[in-house]
Protein backbone atom coordinates (compact mmCIF):
# COMPACT_ATOMS: atom_id res chain seq x y z
CA MET A 1 48.93 -6.60 26.30
CA HIS A 2 46.12 -9.02 27.19
CA ALA A 3 42.62 -7.83 26.28
CA VAL A 4 40.28 -7.33 29.24
CA ILE A 5 36.51 -6.91 29.23
CA GLY A 6 35.81 -3.37 30.38
CA ASP A 7 38.81 -1.81 28.64
CA ARG A 8 36.47 -0.22 26.09
CA ASP A 9 33.22 1.71 26.56
CA VAL A 10 30.20 0.36 24.69
CA LEU A 11 26.81 2.05 24.57
CA VAL A 12 23.85 -0.33 24.33
CA ILE A 13 20.63 1.32 23.22
CA TYR A 14 17.41 -0.35 24.27
CA ASP A 15 13.99 1.29 24.35
CA GLU A 16 10.84 -0.48 25.53
CA ARG A 17 8.80 1.27 22.84
CA VAL A 18 10.08 -1.35 20.37
CA LEU A 19 7.87 -3.88 22.19
CA SER A 20 4.72 -2.21 20.80
CA HIS A 21 5.13 -3.94 17.42
CA ARG A 22 3.06 -7.09 17.89
CA PRO A 23 0.93 -8.34 14.98
CA GLU A 24 -1.37 -11.21 16.01
CA ALA A 25 -2.70 -13.59 13.37
CA ALA A 26 -5.82 -14.30 15.42
CA GLU A 27 -6.85 -10.65 15.51
CA GLU A 28 -8.67 -8.61 12.89
CA PHE A 29 -6.61 -7.44 9.90
CA LEU A 30 -7.66 -4.90 7.29
CA PRO A 31 -9.73 -6.80 4.72
CA GLY A 32 -8.55 -7.08 1.13
CA ARG A 33 -6.73 -9.26 -1.36
CA MET A 34 -3.57 -9.45 0.75
CA ASN A 35 -5.47 -10.61 3.81
CA LYS A 36 -7.30 -13.24 1.77
CA ARG A 37 -4.10 -14.57 0.21
CA ILE A 38 -2.21 -14.81 3.51
CA ARG A 39 -5.13 -16.44 5.29
CA GLY A 40 -5.08 -19.02 2.50
CA ILE A 41 -1.36 -19.59 3.02
CA LEU A 42 -1.73 -19.97 6.79
CA ASP A 43 -4.73 -22.29 6.43
CA GLY A 44 -2.78 -24.34 3.90
CA LEU A 45 -0.03 -25.02 6.43
CA GLY A 46 -2.44 -27.36 8.17
CA LEU A 47 -1.11 -26.47 11.60
CA GLU A 48 -3.21 -27.37 14.60
CA ALA A 49 -1.19 -25.03 16.80
CA LYS A 50 -1.94 -21.33 16.54
CA TRP A 51 0.47 -19.52 14.18
CA SER A 52 2.15 -16.56 15.88
CA TYR A 53 4.28 -13.78 14.48
CA PRO A 54 7.90 -15.08 14.49
CA GLU A 55 9.44 -11.62 15.06
CA HIS A 56 7.98 -11.08 18.53
CA PRO A 57 8.83 -8.86 21.54
CA GLY A 58 10.29 -11.81 23.46
CA ARG A 59 13.38 -11.66 21.24
CA VAL A 60 14.67 -8.35 22.58
CA LEU A 61 13.31 -8.98 26.08
CA ALA A 62 15.56 -12.07 26.27
CA VAL A 63 18.62 -10.04 25.23
CA ASN A 64 17.91 -7.30 27.77
CA GLU A 65 17.21 -9.79 30.57
CA LEU A 66 20.54 -11.59 30.01
CA LEU A 67 22.43 -8.29 30.06
CA GLN A 68 20.75 -7.43 33.38
CA ALA A 69 21.47 -10.89 34.81
CA GLU A 70 25.08 -11.01 33.54
CA PRO A 71 26.32 -7.41 33.25
CA ILE A 72 29.39 -6.73 31.11
CA ALA A 73 32.03 -4.31 32.38
CA GLY A 74 32.29 -1.27 30.11
CA VAL A 75 28.73 -1.57 28.82
CA LYS A 76 26.32 1.22 29.64
CA MET A 77 22.64 1.37 28.66
CA ALA A 78 20.67 4.23 27.12
CA LYS A 79 17.16 4.86 25.80
CA GLY A 80 16.54 5.29 22.10
CA GLN A 81 14.79 7.99 20.11
CA ALA A 82 12.28 8.09 17.29
CA ALA A 83 13.48 8.83 13.76
CA THR A 84 11.89 11.81 12.02
CA ARG A 85 10.14 11.62 8.66
CA GLU A 86 13.01 13.62 7.19
CA GLN A 87 15.54 11.06 8.42
CA LEU A 88 13.49 8.15 7.08
CA ASN A 89 12.97 9.96 3.79
CA ARG A 90 16.70 9.82 3.04
CA VAL A 91 16.39 6.12 2.17
CA HIS A 92 12.62 5.55 1.76
CA THR A 93 10.37 7.24 -0.80
CA SER A 94 7.71 9.69 0.33
CA SER A 95 4.99 7.56 -1.26
CA TYR A 96 6.12 4.47 0.68
CA LEU A 97 6.20 6.36 3.96
CA GLU A 98 2.77 7.88 3.30
CA SER A 99 1.30 4.46 2.55
CA LEU A 100 2.66 3.13 5.86
CA TYR A 101 1.53 6.10 7.93
CA ASP A 102 -1.96 5.78 6.41
CA LEU A 103 -2.10 2.46 8.28
CA GLU A 104 -1.04 3.93 11.63
CA GLY A 105 -3.03 2.43 14.50
CA LYS A 106 -4.32 -0.42 12.32
CA GLN A 107 -3.34 -4.05 11.75
CA ALA A 108 -2.56 -5.06 8.18
CA TRP A 109 -0.50 -7.42 6.08
CA LEU A 110 2.18 -5.66 4.02
CA ASP A 111 3.69 -8.61 2.16
CA VAL A 112 2.81 -12.22 1.43
CA ASP A 113 5.94 -13.36 3.27
CA THR A 114 3.73 -12.50 6.31
CA THR A 115 5.24 -9.10 7.08
CA ALA A 116 2.59 -7.21 9.03
CA ILE A 117 1.97 -4.18 11.18
CA SER A 118 -0.13 -3.76 14.32
CA ALA A 119 -1.49 -0.65 16.02
CA GLY A 120 1.87 0.19 17.66
CA SER A 121 4.21 -0.93 14.88
CA LEU A 122 5.07 2.43 13.39
CA ASP A 123 6.02 3.81 16.81
CA ALA A 124 8.31 0.79 17.32
CA ALA A 125 9.80 1.07 13.84
CA GLU A 126 10.49 4.80 14.28
CA VAL A 127 12.34 4.04 17.52
CA ALA A 128 14.30 1.16 15.91
CA ALA A 129 15.53 3.45 13.13
CA GLY A 130 16.02 6.41 15.45
CA SER A 131 18.02 4.31 17.91
CA ALA A 132 20.45 3.40 15.11
CA ILE A 133 20.82 7.14 14.44
CA ALA A 134 21.40 7.77 18.16
CA ALA A 135 24.12 5.10 18.16
CA VAL A 136 25.89 6.80 15.24
CA ASP A 137 25.72 10.14 17.03
CA ALA A 138 27.13 8.56 20.21
CA VAL A 139 30.27 7.24 18.52
CA PHE A 140 30.92 10.51 16.67
CA GLU A 141 30.35 12.51 19.86
CA LYS A 142 32.78 10.09 21.59
CA LYS A 143 30.23 9.15 24.24
CA ALA A 144 31.40 5.58 23.60
CA LYS A 145 33.93 3.87 21.37
CA SER A 146 31.22 1.69 19.86
CA ALA A 147 27.48 1.08 20.18
CA PHE A 148 24.99 -1.76 19.87
CA VAL A 149 21.27 -1.29 19.22
CA ILE A 150 18.85 -3.86 20.67
CA SER A 151 15.80 -3.12 18.56
CA ARG A 152 12.98 -4.45 16.46
CA PRO A 153 11.43 -4.65 13.94
CA PRO A 154 14.58 -5.48 11.98
CA GLY A 155 15.37 -3.57 8.80
CA HIS A 156 17.67 -5.14 6.23
CA HIS A 157 14.96 -6.61 3.97
CA ALA A 158 13.11 -3.29 3.58
CA ASN A 159 14.10 -1.30 0.49
CA ALA A 160 13.19 2.23 -0.58
CA VAL A 161 9.62 1.33 -1.53
CA ARG A 162 8.69 -1.93 0.15
CA ALA A 163 8.31 -3.67 3.52
CA ARG A 164 9.47 -7.28 3.48
CA GLY A 165 10.90 -10.02 5.70
CA PHE A 166 9.43 -8.59 8.95
CA CYS A 167 11.16 -5.25 8.15
CA LEU A 168 9.43 -1.85 7.87
CA PHE A 169 12.20 0.79 7.87
CA ASN A 170 15.77 -0.11 6.93
CA ASN A 171 17.41 0.86 10.22
CA ILE A 172 21.03 0.40 9.16
CA ALA A 173 20.48 2.29 5.89
CA VAL A 174 18.81 5.17 7.74
CA ALA A 175 21.82 5.27 10.08
CA ALA A 176 24.28 5.30 7.16
CA ALA A 177 22.44 8.13 5.42
CA HIS A 178 22.31 10.11 8.68
CA ALA A 179 26.06 9.66 9.22
CA GLN A 180 26.82 11.03 5.77
CA PHE A 181 24.33 13.91 6.05
CA HIS A 182 24.85 14.99 9.66
CA TRP A 183 28.51 14.10 10.23
CA ASP A 184 29.64 14.95 6.72
CA ILE A 185 31.59 11.75 6.14
CA GLU A 186 32.16 10.28 2.71
CA ARG A 187 32.53 6.51 3.06
CA VAL A 188 30.44 4.11 5.15
CA LEU A 189 30.97 0.34 5.33
CA ILE A 190 27.90 -1.82 6.07
CA ILE A 191 28.58 -5.43 7.08
CA ASP A 192 25.63 -7.85 7.18
CA TRP A 193 26.31 -11.20 8.87
CA ASP A 194 22.65 -12.25 9.21
CA ALA A 195 21.98 -15.69 7.70
CA HIS A 196 19.55 -14.04 5.26
CA HIS A 197 20.79 -11.71 2.54
CA GLY A 198 20.21 -8.00 3.24
CA ASN A 199 18.44 -7.43 -0.07
CA GLY A 200 16.86 -4.14 1.02
CA THR A 201 20.17 -2.60 2.08
CA GLN A 202 21.80 -3.78 -1.14
CA ASP A 203 18.99 -2.28 -3.24
CA ILE A 204 19.20 1.10 -1.49
CA PHE A 205 22.96 1.49 -1.99
CA ALA A 206 23.56 -0.60 -5.15
CA ALA A 207 24.47 2.43 -7.27
CA ASP A 208 26.10 4.45 -4.47
CA PRO A 209 29.93 4.28 -4.49
CA SER A 210 30.12 5.98 -1.08
CA VAL A 211 28.64 2.96 0.74
CA MET A 212 30.29 -0.46 0.64
CA PHE A 213 27.94 -3.36 1.43
CA PHE A 214 29.50 -6.70 2.49
CA ASP A 215 27.15 -9.62 3.13
CA THR A 216 27.73 -13.24 4.21
CA HIS A 217 24.54 -15.29 3.97
CA ARG A 218 23.06 -18.66 3.03
CA ALA A 219 22.87 -18.91 -0.74
CA ALA A 220 19.68 -18.83 -2.81
CA PRO A 221 17.09 -20.27 -2.99
CA PHE A 222 17.17 -19.60 0.76
CA TYR A 223 15.08 -16.51 1.63
CA PRO A 224 15.07 -13.88 0.12
CA GLY A 225 16.73 -15.60 -2.87
CA THR A 226 19.15 -12.75 -3.63
CA GLY A 227 22.83 -12.07 -2.96
CA ASP A 228 24.52 -14.01 -5.74
CA LEU A 229 28.28 -13.67 -6.15
CA GLU A 230 27.81 -11.69 -9.37
CA GLU A 231 25.72 -9.00 -7.64
CA ILE A 232 28.53 -6.44 -7.22
CA GLY A 233 26.61 -3.15 -7.44
CA GLU A 234 25.31 -1.11 -10.31
CA GLY A 235 26.35 2.00 -12.25
CA LEU A 236 28.72 4.18 -10.26
CA GLY A 237 28.40 1.74 -7.36
CA GLU A 238 29.77 -1.22 -9.28
CA GLY A 239 32.38 -2.92 -7.09
CA THR A 240 31.10 -1.66 -3.73
CA THR A 241 28.66 -4.55 -3.20
CA VAL A 242 30.40 -7.72 -2.01
CA ASN A 243 28.28 -10.85 -1.61
CA VAL A 244 29.48 -14.12 -0.09
CA PRO A 245 26.70 -16.73 -0.61
CA LEU A 246 27.39 -19.82 1.52
CA PRO A 247 26.25 -23.45 1.63
CA GLU A 248 23.86 -24.34 4.45
CA ASP A 249 26.51 -26.20 6.48
CA ALA A 250 29.04 -23.33 6.45
CA GLY A 251 30.26 -22.60 9.96
CA ASP A 252 32.79 -20.59 11.93
CA LEU A 253 35.89 -21.43 9.89
CA ALA A 254 34.27 -20.65 6.53
CA ILE A 255 32.72 -17.36 7.65
CA VAL A 256 35.81 -16.14 9.52
CA ASN A 257 37.79 -17.05 6.40
CA ALA A 258 35.41 -14.93 4.29
CA PHE A 259 35.93 -11.97 6.61
CA GLU A 260 39.71 -12.29 6.69
CA ASN A 261 40.24 -13.01 2.98
CA ILE A 262 37.46 -11.02 1.31
CA LEU A 263 36.32 -8.30 3.72
CA VAL A 264 39.75 -7.24 5.03
CA PRO A 265 41.29 -6.47 1.59
CA ALA A 266 38.04 -4.84 0.44
CA VAL A 267 38.11 -2.52 3.45
CA GLU A 268 41.77 -1.70 2.85
CA TRP A 269 40.76 -0.53 -0.64
CA PHE A 270 37.59 1.30 0.49
CA ASP A 271 39.02 3.04 3.59
CA PRO A 272 35.71 3.67 5.48
CA GLU A 273 35.12 6.37 8.08
CA LEU A 274 32.38 4.43 9.91
CA ILE A 275 31.49 0.74 10.16
CA LEU A 276 27.87 -0.33 10.61
CA VAL A 277 26.88 -3.97 11.19
CA SER A 278 23.51 -5.58 10.51
CA ALA A 279 24.00 -8.00 13.38
CA GLY A 280 21.58 -10.82 12.74
CA MET A 281 22.26 -13.80 15.02
CA ASP A 282 20.39 -16.45 13.01
CA ALA A 283 23.56 -17.92 11.46
CA HIS A 284 23.98 -19.78 14.77
CA ARG A 285 23.52 -23.52 14.35
CA THR A 286 20.46 -23.66 16.64
CA GLU A 287 18.59 -21.51 14.09
CA LEU A 288 19.07 -24.21 11.40
CA CYS A 289 20.15 -21.69 8.74
CA LEU A 290 23.96 -21.87 8.90
CA ASN A 291 26.35 -23.57 11.31
CA MET A 292 28.02 -20.88 13.42
CA SER A 293 28.77 -21.15 17.14
CA TYR A 294 28.99 -18.52 19.87
CA ASP A 295 32.77 -18.53 19.38
CA GLY A 296 32.21 -17.68 15.72
CA TYR A 297 30.35 -14.49 16.61
CA SER A 298 33.09 -13.58 19.06
CA ALA A 299 35.73 -14.05 16.34
CA LEU A 300 33.79 -12.01 13.75
CA THR A 301 33.40 -9.19 16.25
CA GLY A 302 37.15 -9.21 16.81
CA ILE A 303 37.80 -8.80 13.08
CA VAL A 304 35.27 -5.98 12.72
CA GLN A 305 36.61 -4.24 15.84
CA ARG A 306 40.14 -4.46 14.43
CA LEU A 307 39.00 -2.86 11.16
CA ALA A 308 37.14 -0.09 13.00
CA ASP A 309 40.25 0.68 15.05
CA LYS A 310 42.47 0.75 11.97
CA TYR A 311 40.29 2.81 9.63
CA CYS A 312 37.57 4.58 11.63
CA ASP A 313 39.11 5.66 14.94
CA GLY A 314 37.12 2.80 16.49
CA ARG A 315 33.72 4.04 15.25
CA LEU A 316 31.56 0.92 15.13
CA VAL A 317 27.76 0.59 15.39
CA MET A 318 25.87 -2.70 15.38
CA ALA A 319 22.10 -3.09 15.15
CA LEU A 320 20.13 -6.27 15.73
CA GLU A 321 18.52 -7.96 12.73
CA GLY A 322 17.36 -11.60 12.76
CA GLY A 323 17.59 -14.38 15.34
CA TYR A 324 14.41 -16.15 16.39
CA ASN A 325 15.51 -18.45 19.22
CA PRO A 326 15.44 -15.96 22.12
CA ASP A 327 18.03 -17.81 24.24
CA THR A 328 20.48 -18.13 21.35
CA LEU A 329 19.90 -14.53 20.30
CA ALA A 330 20.63 -13.31 23.82
CA ARG A 331 23.78 -15.39 24.22
CA CYS A 332 25.16 -14.42 20.78
CA THR A 333 24.60 -10.74 21.57
CA HIS A 334 26.28 -11.14 24.95
CA ARG A 335 29.37 -12.72 23.35
CA VAL A 336 29.54 -9.93 20.75
CA LEU A 337 29.31 -7.25 23.45
CA GLU A 338 32.08 -8.88 25.51
CA VAL A 339 34.47 -8.42 22.59
CA MET A 340 33.22 -4.89 21.86
CA ALA A 341 33.95 -4.09 25.53
CA GLY A 342 37.56 -5.21 25.16
CA GLY A 343 37.42 -8.97 25.67
CA GLU A 344 39.66 -11.37 23.77
CA PRO A 345 37.96 -12.68 20.59
CA ALA A 346 37.59 -16.45 20.46
CA THR A 347 39.80 -18.54 18.20
CA VAL A 348 37.57 -20.67 15.99
CA ARG A 349 38.25 -24.32 15.35
CA GLU A 350 36.64 -27.33 13.77
CA PRO A 351 34.41 -28.80 16.51
CA GLY A 352 35.72 -32.03 18.00
CA VAL A 353 39.19 -32.03 16.42
CA ALA A 354 41.09 -31.09 19.59
CA GLU A 355 38.98 -33.49 21.66
CA VAL A 356 39.66 -36.38 19.27
CA ALA A 357 43.40 -35.64 19.45
CA GLU A 358 43.27 -35.87 23.25
CA MET A 359 41.31 -39.12 23.12
CA ALA A 360 43.72 -40.58 20.57
CA GLU A 361 46.56 -39.86 22.99
CA PHE A 362 44.63 -41.57 25.78
CA HIS A 363 44.00 -44.70 23.71
CA ARG A 364 47.54 -44.81 22.31
CA SER A 365 48.93 -44.93 25.84
CA ALA A 366 46.64 -47.84 26.62
CA PHE A 367 47.88 -49.77 23.58
CA ALA A 368 51.49 -49.04 24.57
CA ASP A 369 50.89 -50.57 28.01
CA MET A 370 49.68 -53.80 26.36
CA GLU A 371 52.98 -54.40 24.50
């Protein structure tokens, strides 16, 4: 039977409170060694234009605006919720949380990779993590077959004790821990297709055999410089971390191949009860990290949807991670949601091959006429 958009219900969670995270380099930061070091870095860039925080509210606004302008049948919207300290504490240490909450209402640098917080950042981060929890609850309560969280700040670079890579709380890790605690499931699969390695998520679950972490990303030394092939987990969790580091020109065919030939057999062995996706959209070629197209994201979604149907009664939750070109981010998300809503996944191909074959036929006929 032909797949039709609207055949499946998808819950999209979007909450305007995530817009309140907005560090501004021109404004006053808490003084100290970190501030001095980062000011030195920014000054050393020699940029005449004003530096602005790359992970800005316009990213999620663009996604929401496209969904309003081009609605997808089967997709319904809902507000998010704030995560509680108890929920955050399942993956982050108390000392880390206390150090962050001590900065509530202030603007400060947290890491020299220019991760920062502003006055409203903790509110936004609580809602980002809490919305991922709400999405998990929605699929278990059968309010929707699957769910997608449009949120920020992202989460996959934050580990148990440290903010990094624009990430404060590890949203997908908080959601996984909630699913195991609240819904009493044993095995959770986390897929991370962001162009950057999800080092924080890997760290949190490295020794946990109940969580499989599968990550396709651009290979080191690309940020954050982790995710080597040999990183397969630690202790009891050895074998449940699966890294696929890729060359910078890897595109649709390579990444779909990785999913079909590495992820699919790994999932068959692991047999998850829930699939979570760190859905970064910065592997798209316009982001200059990897070389994926919109069709590539459509195809990956089809594979993940198929696995969720086979192993998890369709339970699938995606949460936004990276993607810094707002138009590309919005269009990638739209293509993903079309497949989640029942649309036919795209078939990936090498760009230009079919077109060259058609043109060859055209020119061959011309040569034939000259005989």
